[in-house]
PDB file of N, CA and C in Angstrom:
ATOM      1  N   MET A   1      -9.521 -22.222 -24.001  1.00  0.00           N
ATOM      2  CA  MET A   1      -9.068 -22.372 -22.635  1.00  0.00           C
ATOM      3  C   MET A   1      -7.562 -22.166 -22.531  1.00  0.00           C
ATOM      4  N   ALA A   2      -6.805 -22.711 -23.480  1.00  0.00           N
ATOM      5  CA  ALA A   2      -5.350 -22.576 -23.453  1.00  0.00           C
ATOM      6  C   ALA A   2      -4.938 -21.123 -23.624  1.00  0.00           C
ATOM      7  N   ILE A   3      -5.654 -20.388 -24.467  1.00  0.00           N
ATOM      8  CA  ILE A   3      -5.325 -18.965 -24.678  1.00  0.00           C
ATOM      9  C   ILE A   3      -5.582 -18.187 -23.395  1.00  0.00           C
ATOM     10  N   ARG A   4      -6.661 -18.507 -22.691  1.00  0.00           N
ATOM     11  CA  ARG A   4      -6.952 -17.819 -21.442  1.00  0.00           C
ATOM     12  C   ARG A   4      -5.864 -18.111 -20.411  1.00  0.00           C
ATOM     13  N   ASN A   5      -5.385 -19.344 -20.340  1.00  0.00           N
ATOM     14  CA  ASN A   5      -4.311 -19.697 -19.400  1.00  0.00           C
ATOM     15  C   ASN A   5      -3.020 -18.972 -19.742  1.00  0.00           C
ATOM     16  N   ILE A   6      -2.705 -18.868 -21.022  1.00  0.00           N
ATOM     17  CA  ILE A   6      -1.507 -18.144 -21.448  1.00  0.00           C
ATOM     18  C   ILE A   6      -1.636 -16.666 -21.105  1.00  0.00           C
ATOM     19  N   PHE A   7      -2.815 -16.099 -21.370  1.00  0.00           N
ATOM     20  CA  PHE A   7      -3.058 -14.695 -21.055  1.00  0.00           C
ATOM     21  C   PHE A   7      -2.923 -14.455 -19.555  1.00  0.00           C
ATOM     22  N   PHE A   8      -3.523 -15.335 -18.748  1.00  0.00           N
ATOM     23  CA  PHE A   8      -3.448 -15.217 -17.294  1.00  0.00           C
ATOM     24  C   PHE A   8      -2.008 -15.304 -16.818  1.00  0.00           C
ATOM     25  N   ALA A   9      -1.248 -16.233 -17.355  1.00  0.00           N
ATOM     26  CA  ALA A   9       0.162 -16.384 -16.977  1.00  0.00           C
ATOM     27  C   ALA A   9       0.958 -15.139 -17.357  1.00  0.00           C
ATOM     28  N   ALA A  10       0.656 -14.568 -18.526  1.00  0.00           N
ATOM     29  CA  ALA A  10       1.357 -13.357 -18.969  1.00  0.00           C
ATOM     30  C   ALA A  10       1.050 -12.185 -18.035  1.00  0.00           C
ATOM     31  N   ILE A  11      -0.206 -12.032 -17.655  1.00  0.00           N
ATOM     32  CA  ILE A  11      -0.588 -10.952 -16.734  1.00  0.00           C
ATOM     33  C   ILE A  11       0.090 -11.142 -15.382  1.00  0.00           C
ATOM     34  N   CYS A  12       0.083 -12.368 -14.873  1.00  0.00           N
ATOM     35  CA  CYS A  12       0.740 -12.642 -13.586  1.00  0.00           C
ATOM     36  C   CYS A  12       2.235 -12.341 -13.656  1.00  0.00           C
ATOM     37  N   GLY A  13       2.866 -12.728 -14.736  1.00  0.00           N
ATOM     38  CA  GLY A  13       4.284 -12.444 -14.912  1.00  0.00           C
ATOM     39  C   GLY A  13       4.560 -10.957 -14.974  1.00  0.00           C
ATOM     40  N   PHE A  14       3.710 -10.223 -15.677  1.00  0.00           N
ATOM     41  CA  PHE A  14       3.855  -8.773 -15.774  1.00  0.00           C
ATOM     42  C   PHE A  14       3.714  -8.119 -14.404  1.00  0.00           C
ATOM     43  N   LEU A  15       2.681  -8.507 -13.655  1.00  0.00           N
ATOM     44  CA  LEU A  15       2.476  -7.941 -12.320  1.00  0.00           C
ATOM     45  C   LEU A  15       3.625  -8.281 -11.381  1.00  0.00           C
ATOM     46  N   LEU A  16       4.145  -9.498 -11.481  1.00  0.00           N
ATOM     47  CA  LEU A  16       5.284  -9.884 -10.656  1.00  0.00           C
ATOM     48  C   LEU A  16       6.506  -9.047 -10.998  1.00  0.00           C
ATOM     49  N   SER A  17       6.740  -8.788 -12.272  1.00  0.00           N
ATOM     50  CA  SER A  17       7.904  -7.990 -12.661  1.00  0.00           C
ATOM     51  C   SER A  17       7.773  -6.558 -12.160  1.00  0.00           C
ATOM     52  N   ILE A  18       6.566  -6.001 -12.205  1.00  0.00           N
ATOM     53  CA  ILE A  18       6.344  -4.644 -11.681  1.00  0.00           C
ATOM     54  C   ILE A  18       6.594  -4.623 -10.178  1.00  0.00           C
ATOM     55  N   THR A  19       6.080  -5.611  -9.470  1.00  0.00           N
ATOM     56  CA  THR A  19       6.272  -5.674  -8.016  1.00  0.00           C
ATOM     57  C   THR A  19       7.746  -5.794  -7.666  1.00  0.00           C
ATOM     58  N   LEU A  20       8.470  -6.640  -8.381  1.00  0.00           N
ATOM     59  CA  LEU A  20       9.900  -6.797  -8.116  1.00  0.00           C
ATOM     60  C   LEU A  20      10.665  -5.514  -8.414  1.00  0.00           C
ATOM     61  N   HIS A  21      10.302  -4.838  -9.506  1.00  0.00           N
ATOM     62  CA  HIS A  21      10.953  -3.564  -9.837  1.00  0.00           C
ATOM     63  C   HIS A  21      10.682  -2.532  -8.741  1.00  0.00           C
ATOM     64  N   LEU A  22       9.439  -2.444  -8.317  1.00  0.00           N
ATOM     65  CA  LEU A  22       9.079  -1.502  -7.264  1.00  0.00           C
ATOM     66  C   LEU A  22       9.830  -1.810  -5.972  1.00  0.00           C
ATOM     67  N   ALA A  23       9.924  -3.072  -5.621  1.00  0.00           N
ATOM     68  CA  ALA A  23      10.656  -3.466  -4.415  1.00  0.00           C
ATOM     69  C   ALA A  23      12.119  -3.048  -4.521  1.00  0.00           C
ATOM     70  N   LEU A  24      12.716  -3.196  -5.689  1.00  0.00           N
ATOM     71  CA  LEU A  24      14.106  -2.798  -5.897  1.00  0.00           C
ATOM     72  C   LEU A  24      14.270  -1.294  -5.763  1.00  0.00           C
ATOM     73  N   VAL A  25      13.366  -0.522  -6.366  1.00  0.00           N
ATOM     74  CA  VAL A  25      13.432   0.946  -6.275  1.00  0.00           C
ATOM     75  C   VAL A  25      13.340   1.373  -4.822  1.00  0.00           C
ATOM     76  N   LEU A  26      12.393   0.811  -4.083  1.00  0.00           N
ATOM     77  CA  LEU A  26      12.208   1.198  -2.688  1.00  0.00           C
ATOM     78  C   LEU A  26      13.376   0.755  -1.812  1.00  0.00           C
ATOM     79  N   ALA A  27      13.957  -0.378  -2.113  1.00  0.00           N
ATOM     80  CA  ALA A  27      15.095  -0.865  -1.335  1.00  0.00           C
ATOM     81  C   ALA A  27      16.304   0.048  -1.504  1.00  0.00           C
ATOM     82  N   GLN A  28      16.431   0.691  -2.664  1.00  0.00           N
ATOM     83  CA  GLN A  28      17.575   1.549  -2.926  1.00  0.00           C
ATOM     84  C   GLN A  28      17.384   2.955  -2.365  1.00  0.00           C
ATOM     85  N   ALA A  29      16.141   3.323  -2.050  1.00  0.00           N
ATOM     86  CA  ALA A  29      15.862   4.655  -1.525  1.00  0.00           C
ATOM     87  C   ALA A  29      16.210   4.715  -0.040  1.00  0.00           C
ATOM     88  N   LYS A  30      16.755   5.830   0.375  1.00  0.00           N
ATOM     89  CA  LYS A  30      17.125   6.023   1.782  1.00  0.00           C
ATOM     90  C   LYS A  30      15.981   6.730   2.490  1.00  0.00           C
ATOM     91  N   LEU A  31      15.387   6.043   3.443  1.00  0.00           N
ATOM     92  CA  LEU A  31      14.273   6.595   4.197  1.00  0.00           C
ATOM     93  C   LEU A  31      14.762   7.743   5.074  1.00  0.00           C
ATOM     94  N   PRO A  32      14.142   8.927   4.957  1.00  0.00           N
ATOM     95  CA  PRO A  32      14.511  10.036   5.842  1.00  0.00           C
ATOM     96  C   PRO A  32      14.254   9.672   7.307  1.00  0.00           C
ATOM     97  N   LYS A  33      15.135  10.138   8.170  1.00  0.00           N
ATOM     98  CA  LYS A  33      15.070   9.803   9.593  1.00  0.00           C
ATOM     99  C   LYS A  33      13.712  10.151  10.200  1.00  0.00           C
ATOM    100  N   GLU A  34      13.120  11.259   9.782  1.00  0.00           N
ATOM    101  CA  GLU A  34      11.847  11.686  10.368  1.00  0.00           C
ATOM    102  C   GLU A  34      10.670  10.775   9.990  1.00  0.00           C
ATOM    103  N   LEU A  35      10.877   9.846   9.068  1.00  0.00           N
ATOM    104  CA  LEU A  35       9.808   8.934   8.666  1.00  0.00           C
ATOM    105  C   LEU A  35       9.947   7.536   9.253  1.00  0.00           C
ATOM    106  N   THR A  36      10.994   7.312  10.049  1.00  0.00           N
ATOM    107  CA  THR A  36      11.203   5.969  10.599  1.00  0.00           C
ATOM    108  C   THR A  36      10.081   5.559  11.559  1.00  0.00           C
ATOM    109  N   GLY A  37       9.519   6.522  12.275  1.00  0.00           N
ATOM    110  CA  GLY A  37       8.387   6.213  13.156  1.00  0.00           C
ATOM    111  C   GLY A  37       7.186   5.737  12.359  1.00  0.00           C
ATOM    112  N   GLY A  38       6.913   6.398  11.242  1.00  0.00           N
ATOM    113  CA  GLY A  38       5.814   5.985  10.370  1.00  0.00           C
ATOM    114  C   GLY A  38       6.052   4.615   9.777  1.00  0.00           C
ATOM    115  N   GLU A  39       7.298   4.338   9.420  1.00  0.00           N
ATOM    116  CA  GLU A  39       7.636   3.017   8.894  1.00  0.00           C
ATOM    117  C   GLU A  39       7.396   1.941   9.958  1.00  0.00           C
ATOM    118  N   THR A  40       7.839   2.203  11.177  1.00  0.00           N
ATOM    119  CA  THR A  40       7.654   1.243  12.270  1.00  0.00           C
ATOM    120  C   THR A  40       6.161   1.002  12.522  1.00  0.00           C
ATOM    121  N   LEU A  41       5.381   2.079  12.566  1.00  0.00           N
ATOM    122  CA  LEU A  41       3.936   1.945  12.780  1.00  0.00           C
ATOM    123  C   LEU A  41       3.274   1.192  11.629  1.00  0.00           C
ATOM    124  N   PHE A  42       3.701   1.485  10.395  1.00  0.00           N
ATOM    125  CA  PHE A  42       3.160   0.779   9.228  1.00  0.00           C
ATOM    126  C   PHE A  42       3.462  -0.710   9.331  1.00  0.00           C
ATOM    127  N   ASN A  43       4.713  -1.035   9.630  1.00  0.00           N
ATOM    128  CA  ASN A  43       5.103  -2.444   9.717  1.00  0.00           C
ATOM    129  C   ASN A  43       4.326  -3.179  10.809  1.00  0.00           C
ATOM    130  N   LYS A  44       4.059  -2.496  11.918  1.00  0.00           N
ATOM    131  CA  LYS A  44       3.351  -3.110  13.037  1.00  0.00           C
ATOM    132  C   LYS A  44       1.855  -3.273  12.754  1.00  0.00           C
ATOM    133  N   ASN A  45       1.253  -2.286  12.071  1.00  0.00           N
ATOM    134  CA  ASN A  45      -0.196  -2.240  11.954  1.00  0.00           C
ATOM    135  C   ASN A  45      -0.764  -2.500  10.558  1.00  0.00           C
ATOM    136  N   CYS A  46       0.047  -2.343   9.531  1.00  0.00           N
ATOM    137  CA  CYS A  46      -0.489  -2.352   8.166  1.00  0.00           C
ATOM    138  C   CYS A  46       0.143  -3.394   7.244  1.00  0.00           C
ATOM    139  N   ALA A  47       1.412  -3.712   7.483  1.00  0.00           N
ATOM    140  CA  ALA A  47       2.170  -4.544   6.540  1.00  0.00           C
ATOM    141  C   ALA A  47       1.613  -5.951   6.387  1.00  0.00           C
ATOM    142  N   LEU A  48       0.989  -6.487   7.414  1.00  0.00           N
ATOM    143  CA  LEU A  48       0.446  -7.843   7.316  1.00  0.00           C
ATOM    144  C   LEU A  48      -0.516  -7.939   6.126  1.00  0.00           C
ATOM    145  N   CYS A  49      -1.328  -6.923   5.932  1.00  0.00           N
ATOM    146  CA  CYS A  49      -2.287  -6.929   4.824  1.00  0.00           C
ATOM    147  C   CYS A  49      -1.771  -6.196   3.584  1.00  0.00           C
ATOM    148  N   HIS A  50      -1.068  -5.096   3.776  1.00  0.00           N
ATOM    149  CA  HIS A  50      -0.656  -4.257   2.644  1.00  0.00           C
ATOM    150  C   HIS A  50       0.782  -4.497   2.190  1.00  0.00           C
ATOM    151  N   GLY A  51       1.474  -5.443   2.812  1.00  0.00           N
ATOM    152  CA  GLY A  51       2.816  -5.819   2.397  1.00  0.00           C
ATOM    153  C   GLY A  51       3.893  -4.882   2.898  1.00  0.00           C
ATOM    154  N   GLN A  52       5.113  -5.398   2.970  1.00  0.00           N
ATOM    155  CA  GLN A  52       6.266  -4.566   3.333  1.00  0.00           C
ATOM    156  C   GLN A  52       6.382  -3.439   2.313  1.00  0.00           C
ATOM    157  N   ALA A  53       6.640  -2.246   2.792  1.00  0.00           N
ATOM    158  CA  ALA A  53       6.774  -1.052   1.957  1.00  0.00           C
ATOM    159  C   ALA A  53       5.515  -0.808   1.122  1.00  0.00           C
ATOM    160  N   GLY A  54       4.375  -1.332   1.572  1.00  0.00           N
ATOM    161  CA  GLY A  54       3.100  -1.038   0.931  1.00  0.00           C
ATOM    162  C   GLY A  54       2.911  -1.596  -0.462  1.00  0.00           C
ATOM    163  N   ILE A  55       3.667  -2.662  -0.814  1.00  0.00           N
ATOM    164  CA  ILE A  55       3.566  -3.179  -2.183  1.00  0.00           C
ATOM    165  C   ILE A  55       2.509  -4.263  -2.336  1.00  0.00           C
ATOM    166  N   GLY A  56       1.676  -4.466  -1.308  1.00  0.00           N
ATOM    167  CA  GLY A  56       0.585  -5.420  -1.392  1.00  0.00           C
ATOM    168  C   GLY A  56       0.960  -6.775  -0.829  1.00  0.00           C
ATOM    169  N   ALA A  57      -0.051  -7.549  -0.523  1.00  0.00           N
ATOM    170  CA  ALA A  57       0.131  -8.891   0.032  1.00  0.00           C
ATOM    171  C   ALA A  57      -1.101  -9.714  -0.325  1.00  0.00           C
ATOM    172  N   ASN A  58      -1.139 -10.938   0.137  1.00  0.00           N
ATOM    173  CA  ASN A  58      -2.277 -11.803  -0.140  1.00  0.00           C
ATOM    174  C   ASN A  58      -3.556 -11.324   0.537  1.00  0.00           C
ATOM    175  N   ASN A  59      -3.423 -10.523   1.587  1.00  0.00           N
ATOM    176  CA  ASN A  59      -4.576 -10.094   2.370  1.00  0.00           C
ATOM    177  C   ASN A  59      -5.087  -8.704   2.019  1.00  0.00           C
ATOM    178  N   GLY A  60      -4.305  -7.938   1.281  1.00  0.00           N
ATOM    179  CA  GLY A  60      -4.724  -6.568   1.014  1.00  0.00           C
ATOM    180  C   GLY A  60      -3.977  -5.951  -0.141  1.00  0.00           C
ATOM    181  N   PRO A  61      -4.510  -4.859  -0.645  1.00  0.00           N
ATOM    182  CA  PRO A  61      -3.954  -4.225  -1.840  1.00  0.00           C
ATOM    183  C   PRO A  61      -2.678  -3.435  -1.561  1.00  0.00           C
ATOM    184  N   PRO A  62      -1.945  -3.135  -2.620  1.00  0.00           N
ATOM    185  CA  PRO A  62      -0.778  -2.265  -2.473  1.00  0.00           C
ATOM    186  C   PRO A  62      -1.228  -0.826  -2.248  1.00  0.00           C
ATOM    187  N   LEU A  63      -0.626  -0.159  -1.307  1.00  0.00           N
ATOM    188  CA  LEU A  63      -0.887   1.274  -1.109  1.00  0.00           C
ATOM    189  C   LEU A  63       0.051   2.115  -1.968  1.00  0.00           C
ATOM    190  N   VAL A  64       1.135   1.508  -2.400  1.00  0.00           N
ATOM    191  CA  VAL A  64       2.034   2.162  -3.353  1.00  0.00           C
ATOM    192  C   VAL A  64       1.496   1.782  -4.728  1.00  0.00           C
ATOM    193  N   HIS A  65       0.423   2.500  -5.097  1.00  0.00           N
ATOM    194  CA  HIS A  65      -0.315   2.228  -6.321  1.00  0.00           C
ATOM    195  C   HIS A  65      -1.010   3.518  -6.742  1.00  0.00           C
ATOM    196  N   LYS A  66      -1.181   3.713  -8.019  1.00  0.00           N
ATOM    197  CA  LYS A  66      -1.797   4.929  -8.556  1.00  0.00           C
ATOM    198  C   LYS A  66      -3.179   5.190  -7.939  1.00  0.00           C
ATOM    199  N   ILE A  67      -3.911   4.149  -7.616  1.00  0.00           N
ATOM    200  CA  ILE A  67      -5.250   4.329  -7.031  1.00  0.00           C
ATOM    201  C   ILE A  67      -5.181   5.133  -5.732  1.00  0.00           C
ATOM    202  N   TYR A  68      -4.092   4.988  -4.988  1.00  0.00           N
ATOM    203  CA  TYR A  68      -3.997   5.634  -3.680  1.00  0.00           C
ATOM    204  C   TYR A  68      -3.210   6.938  -3.682  1.00  0.00           C
ATOM    205  N   GLU A  69      -2.920   7.470  -4.862  1.00  0.00           N
ATOM    206  CA  GLU A  69      -2.230   8.756  -4.899  1.00  0.00           C
ATOM    207  C   GLU A  69      -3.169   9.849  -4.376  1.00  0.00           C
ATOM    208  N   PRO A  70      -2.630  10.982  -3.925  1.00  0.00           N
ATOM    209  CA  PRO A  70      -3.422  11.983  -3.210  1.00  0.00           C
ATOM    210  C   PRO A  70      -4.623  12.542  -3.965  1.00  0.00           C
ATOM    211  N   ASN A  71      -4.580  12.612  -5.279  1.00  0.00           N
ATOM    212  CA  ASN A  71      -5.731  13.149  -6.012  1.00  0.00           C
ATOM    213  C   ASN A  71      -6.884  12.158  -6.086  1.00  0.00           C
ATOM    214  N   HIS A  72      -6.629  10.905  -5.820  1.00  0.00           N
ATOM    215  CA  HIS A  72      -7.700   9.900  -5.840  1.00  0.00           C
ATOM    216  C   HIS A  72      -8.100   9.494  -4.429  1.00  0.00           C
ATOM    217  N   HIS A  73      -7.136   9.355  -3.543  1.00  0.00           N
ATOM    218  CA  HIS A  73      -7.384   9.060  -2.129  1.00  0.00           C
ATOM    219  C   HIS A  73      -6.588  10.061  -1.298  1.00  0.00           C
ATOM    220  N   ALA A  74      -7.258  11.130  -0.911  1.00  0.00           N
ATOM    221  CA  ALA A  74      -6.615  12.152  -0.080  1.00  0.00           C
ATOM    222  C   ALA A  74      -6.269  11.553   1.287  1.00  0.00           C
ATOM    223  N   ASP A  75      -5.431  12.247   2.014  1.00  0.00           N
ATOM    224  CA  ASP A  75      -5.019  11.768   3.330  1.00  0.00           C
ATOM    225  C   ASP A  75      -6.223  11.438   4.217  1.00  0.00           C
ATOM    226  N   GLU A  76      -7.268  12.231   4.125  1.00  0.00           N
ATOM    227  CA  GLU A  76      -8.449  12.004   4.962  1.00  0.00           C
ATOM    228  C   GLU A  76      -9.062  10.622   4.717  1.00  0.00           C
ATOM    229  N   SER A  77      -8.931  10.101   3.510  1.00  0.00           N
ATOM    230  CA  SER A  77      -9.479   8.764   3.241  1.00  0.00           C
ATOM    231  C   SER A  77      -8.721   7.694   4.033  1.00  0.00           C
ATOM    232  N   PHE A  78      -7.436   7.908   4.273  1.00  0.00           N
ATOM    233  CA  PHE A  78      -6.665   6.973   5.099  1.00  0.00           C
ATOM    234  C   PHE A  78      -7.116   7.062   6.567  1.00  0.00           C
ATOM    235  N   TYR A  79      -7.330   8.295   7.046  1.00  0.00           N
ATOM    236  CA  TYR A  79      -7.817   8.457   8.417  1.00  0.00           C
ATOM    237  C   TYR A  79      -9.164   7.739   8.589  1.00  0.00           C
ATOM    238  N   ARG A  80     -10.075   7.958   7.625  1.00  0.00           N
ATOM    239  CA  ARG A  80     -11.396   7.323   7.714  1.00  0.00           C
ATOM    240  C   ARG A  80     -11.302   5.806   7.620  1.00  0.00           C
ATOM    241  N   ALA A  81     -10.398   5.308   6.774  1.00  0.00           N
ATOM    242  CA  ALA A  81     -10.242   3.854   6.630  1.00  0.00           C
ATOM    243  C   ALA A  81      -9.832   3.224   7.949  1.00  0.00           C
ATOM    244  N   VAL A  82      -8.909   3.854   8.649  1.00  0.00           N
ATOM    245  CA  VAL A  82      -8.453   3.317   9.936  1.00  0.00           C
ATOM    246  C   VAL A  82      -9.575   3.411  10.969  1.00  0.00           C
ATOM    247  N   GLN A  83     -10.263   4.529  10.999  1.00  0.00           N
ATOM    248  CA  GLN A  83     -11.296   4.750  12.009  1.00  0.00           C
ATOM    249  C   GLN A  83     -12.552   3.907  11.756  1.00  0.00           C
ATOM    250  N   ASN A  84     -12.985   3.827  10.491  1.00  0.00           N
ATOM    251  CA  ASN A  84     -14.275   3.212  10.174  1.00  0.00           C
ATOM    252  C   ASN A  84     -14.188   1.885   9.434  1.00  0.00           C
ATOM    253  N   GLY A  85     -12.994   1.538   8.954  1.00  0.00           N
ATOM    254  CA  GLY A  85     -12.878   0.398   8.064  1.00  0.00           C
ATOM    255  C   GLY A  85     -13.279   0.812   6.650  1.00  0.00           C
ATOM    256  N   VAL A  86     -13.177  -0.140   5.717  1.00  0.00           N
ATOM    257  CA  VAL A  86     -13.492   0.161   4.318  1.00  0.00           C
ATOM    258  C   VAL A  86     -14.226  -1.032   3.713  1.00  0.00           C
ATOM    259  N   ILE A  87     -15.289  -0.749   3.011  1.00  0.00           N
ATOM    260  CA  ILE A  87     -15.968  -1.785   2.233  1.00  0.00           C
ATOM    261  C   ILE A  87     -15.190  -1.932   0.933  1.00  0.00           C
ATOM    262  N   ALA A  88     -14.837  -3.152   0.577  1.00  0.00           N
ATOM    263  CA  ALA A  88     -14.033  -3.405  -0.627  1.00  0.00           C
ATOM    264  C   ALA A  88     -14.702  -2.768  -1.847  1.00  0.00           C
ATOM    265  N   HIS A  89     -13.913  -1.999  -2.607  1.00  0.00           N
ATOM    266  CA  HIS A  89     -14.471  -1.371  -3.805  1.00  0.00           C
ATOM    267  C   HIS A  89     -13.484  -1.308  -4.966  1.00  0.00           C
ATOM    268  N   HIS A  90     -12.198  -1.324  -4.710  1.00  0.00           N
ATOM    269  CA  HIS A  90     -11.208  -1.338  -5.796  1.00  0.00           C
ATOM    270  C   HIS A  90     -10.641  -2.734  -6.027  1.00  0.00           C
ATOM    271  N   TRP A  91     -10.645  -3.555  -5.006  1.00  0.00           N
ATOM    272  CA  TRP A  91      -9.970  -4.843  -5.022  1.00  0.00           C
ATOM    273  C   TRP A  91     -10.901  -5.940  -4.535  1.00  0.00           C
ATOM    274  N   THR A  92     -10.441  -7.168  -4.598  1.00  0.00           N
ATOM    275  CA  THR A  92     -11.250  -8.311  -4.167  1.00  0.00           C
ATOM    276  C   THR A  92     -10.692  -8.963  -2.895  1.00  0.00           C
ATOM    277  N   PHE A  93     -10.027  -8.212  -2.069  1.00  0.00           N
ATOM    278  CA  PHE A  93      -9.436  -8.758  -0.846  1.00  0.00           C
ATOM    279  C   PHE A  93     -10.434  -8.855   0.299  1.00  0.00           C
ATOM    280  N   GLY A  94     -11.578  -8.283   0.135  1.00  0.00           N
ATOM    281  CA  GLY A  94     -12.561  -8.235   1.213  1.00  0.00           C
ATOM    282  C   GLY A  94     -12.501  -6.898   1.924  1.00  0.00           C
ATOM    283  N   ASN A  95     -13.369  -6.729   2.889  1.00  0.00           N
ATOM    284  CA  ASN A  95     -13.468  -5.471   3.623  1.00  0.00           C
ATOM    285  C   ASN A  95     -12.300  -5.306   4.591  1.00  0.00           C
ATOM    286  N   MET A  96     -11.941  -4.050   4.829  1.00  0.00           N
ATOM    287  CA  MET A  96     -10.923  -3.732   5.836  1.00  0.00           C
ATOM    288  C   MET A  96     -11.653  -3.375   7.124  1.00  0.00           C
ATOM    289  N   PRO A  97     -11.318  -4.038   8.222  1.00  0.00           N
ATOM    290  CA  PRO A  97     -11.953  -3.681   9.499  1.00  0.00           C
ATOM    291  C   PRO A  97     -11.341  -2.392  10.052  1.00  0.00           C
ATOM    292  N   PRO A  98     -12.071  -1.698  10.926  1.00  0.00           N
ATOM    293  CA  PRO A  98     -11.484  -0.541  11.604  1.00  0.00           C
ATOM    294  C   PRO A  98     -10.316  -0.987  12.488  1.00  0.00           C
ATOM    295  N   LEU A  99      -9.374  -0.091  12.686  1.00  0.00           N
ATOM    296  CA  LEU A  99      -8.225  -0.360  13.561  1.00  0.00           C
ATOM    297  C   LEU A  99      -8.307   0.634  14.722  1.00  0.00           C
ATOM    298  N   TYR A 100      -8.912   0.199  15.793  1.00  0.00           N
ATOM    299  CA  TYR A 100      -9.199   1.094  16.918  1.00  0.00           C
ATOM    300  C   TYR A 100      -7.978   1.446  17.749  1.00  0.00           C
ATOM    301  N   ASN A 101      -6.900   0.713  17.623  1.00  0.00           N
ATOM    302  CA  ASN A 101      -5.737   0.928  18.486  1.00  0.00           C
ATOM    303  C   ASN A 101      -4.747   1.948  17.935  1.00  0.00           C
ATOM    304  N   ILE A 102      -5.076   2.624  16.849  1.00  0.00           N
ATOM    305  CA  ILE A 102      -4.140   3.573  16.246  1.00  0.00           C
ATOM    306  C   ILE A 102      -4.715   4.980  16.347  1.00  0.00           C
ATOM    307  N   SER A 103      -3.996   5.860  17.026  1.00  0.00           N
ATOM    308  CA  SER A 103      -4.451   7.243  17.181  1.00  0.00           C
ATOM    309  C   SER A 103      -4.295   8.005  15.861  1.00  0.00           C
ATOM    310  N   ARG A 104      -4.985   9.118  15.768  1.00  0.00           N
ATOM    311  CA  ARG A 104      -4.896   9.964  14.572  1.00  0.00           C
ATOM    312  C   ARG A 104      -3.456  10.429  14.339  1.00  0.00           C
ATOM    313  N   ASP A 105      -2.735  10.741  15.397  1.00  0.00           N
ATOM    314  CA  ASP A 105      -1.336  11.167  15.259  1.00  0.00           C
ATOM    315  C   ASP A 105      -0.480  10.050  14.649  1.00  0.00           C
ATOM    316  N   LYS A 106      -0.731   8.824  15.073  1.00  0.00           N
ATOM    317  CA  LYS A 106       0.023   7.702  14.520  1.00  0.00           C
ATOM    318  C   LYS A 106      -0.360   7.451  13.056  1.00  0.00           C
ATOM    319  N   VAL A 107      -1.641   7.610  12.738  1.00  0.00           N
ATOM    320  CA  VAL A 107      -2.072   7.458  11.343  1.00  0.00           C
ATOM    321  C   VAL A 107      -1.387   8.516  10.477  1.00  0.00           C
ATOM    322  N   GLU A 108      -1.244   9.722  11.002  1.00  0.00           N
ATOM    323  CA  GLU A 108      -0.555  10.781  10.258  1.00  0.00           C
ATOM    324  C   GLU A 108       0.883  10.366   9.928  1.00  0.00           C
ATOM    325  N   GLN A 109       1.566   9.768  10.872  1.00  0.00           N
ATOM    326  CA  GLN A 109       2.937   9.300  10.616  1.00  0.00           C
ATOM    327  C   GLN A 109       2.954   8.207   9.543  1.00  0.00           C
ATOM    328  N   ILE A 110       1.977   7.320   9.596  1.00  0.00           N
ATOM    329  CA  ILE A 110       1.880   6.251   8.602  1.00  0.00           C
ATOM    330  C   ILE A 110       1.627   6.849   7.223  1.00  0.00           C
ATOM    331  N   ILE A 111       0.724   7.815   7.146  1.00  0.00           N
ATOM    332  CA  ILE A 111       0.409   8.455   5.858  1.00  0.00           C
ATOM    333  C   ILE A 111       1.649   9.122   5.277  1.00  0.00           C
ATOM    334  N   GLN A 112       2.406   9.824   6.109  1.00  0.00           N
ATOM    335  CA  GLN A 112       3.624  10.474   5.617  1.00  0.00           C
ATOM    336  C   GLN A 112       4.590   9.438   5.047  1.00  0.00           C
ATOM    337  N   TYR A 113       4.705   8.296   5.689  1.00  0.00           N
ATOM    338  CA  TYR A 113       5.559   7.216   5.199  1.00  0.00           C
ATOM    339  C   TYR A 113       5.023   6.677   3.867  1.00  0.00           C
ATOM    340  N   ILE A 114       3.725   6.436   3.778  1.00  0.00           N
ATOM    341  CA  ILE A 114       3.131   5.940   2.530  1.00  0.00           C
ATOM    342  C   ILE A 114       3.336   6.939   1.406  1.00  0.00           C
ATOM    343  N   ARG A 115       3.116   8.207   1.674  1.00  0.00           N
ATOM    344  CA  ARG A 115       3.291   9.235   0.627  1.00  0.00           C
ATOM    345  C   ARG A 115       4.749   9.278   0.160  1.00  0.00           C
ATOM    346  N   TRP A 116       5.687   9.104   1.056  1.00  0.00           N
ATOM    347  CA  TRP A 116       7.097   9.059   0.664  1.00  0.00           C
ATOM    348  C   TRP A 116       7.345   7.854  -0.232  1.00  0.00           C
ATOM    349  N   LEU A 117       6.810   6.693   0.143  1.00  0.00           N
ATOM    350  CA  LEU A 117       6.963   5.498  -0.694  1.00  0.00           C
ATOM    351  C   LEU A 117       6.382   5.732  -2.079  1.00  0.00           C
ATOM    352  N   GLN A 118       5.216   6.355  -2.124  1.00  0.00           N
ATOM    353  CA  GLN A 118       4.576   6.630  -3.409  1.00  0.00           C
ATOM    354  C   GLN A 118       5.443   7.559  -4.267  1.00  0.00           C
ATOM    355  N   LYS A 119       6.017   8.568  -3.654  1.00  0.00           N
ATOM    356  CA  LYS A 119       6.892   9.481  -4.397  1.00  0.00           C
ATOM    357  C   LYS A 119       8.120   8.746  -4.922  1.00  0.00           C
ATOM    358  N   GLN A 120       8.687   7.871  -4.117  1.00  0.00           N
ATOM    359  CA  GLN A 120       9.851   7.108  -4.563  1.00  0.00           C
ATOM    360  C   GLN A 120       9.501   6.233  -5.763  1.00  0.00           C
ATOM    361  N   ALA A 121       8.264   5.757  -5.807  1.00  0.00           N
ATOM    362  CA  ALA A 121       7.820   4.895  -6.902  1.00  0.00           C
ATOM    363  C   ALA A 121       7.370   5.693  -8.123  1.00  0.00           C
ATOM    364  N   GLY A 122       7.399   7.024  -8.026  1.00  0.00           N
ATOM    365  CA  GLY A 122       7.014   7.871  -9.156  1.00  0.00           C
ATOM    366  C   GLY A 122       5.510   7.962  -9.372  1.00  0.00           C
ATOM    367  N   ILE A 123       4.741   7.682  -8.340  1.00  0.00           N
ATOM    368  CA  ILE A 123       3.278   7.722  -8.480  1.00  0.00           C
ATOM    369  C   ILE A 123       2.761   9.153  -8.517  1.00  0.00           C
ATOM    370  N   PHE A 124       3.385  10.051  -7.763  1.00  0.00           N
ATOM    371  CA  PHE A 124       3.013  11.477  -7.852  1.00  0.00           C
ATOM    372  C   PHE A 124       4.187  12.338  -7.512  1.00  0.00           C
TER     373      PHE A 124
END
């Protein structure tokens, strides 16, 4: 039991250090002016669950993560997630409900912002 607790603490510490490093990298990056609309839309509609700058939160997974890079989750998967919701399959946060108040054009702006964040983090 003690070994499992030590292992769990080590994993939590490792994940926290990665999150803090990622937050520092993103804080130092200068967001291009053309992506500020996507950032605003993300903060209004997505950050509560996916965290500021997409680094995850208690309610949802990080979008700035290798799982969500374009070769694994193409842009269309983000459009479908917003339109239809998502049944939990990579994480244990529960299902994502559809977000009916966001137009496809606004989702496109959010995706461009997420892809920029991912590039800043060296994901692709």
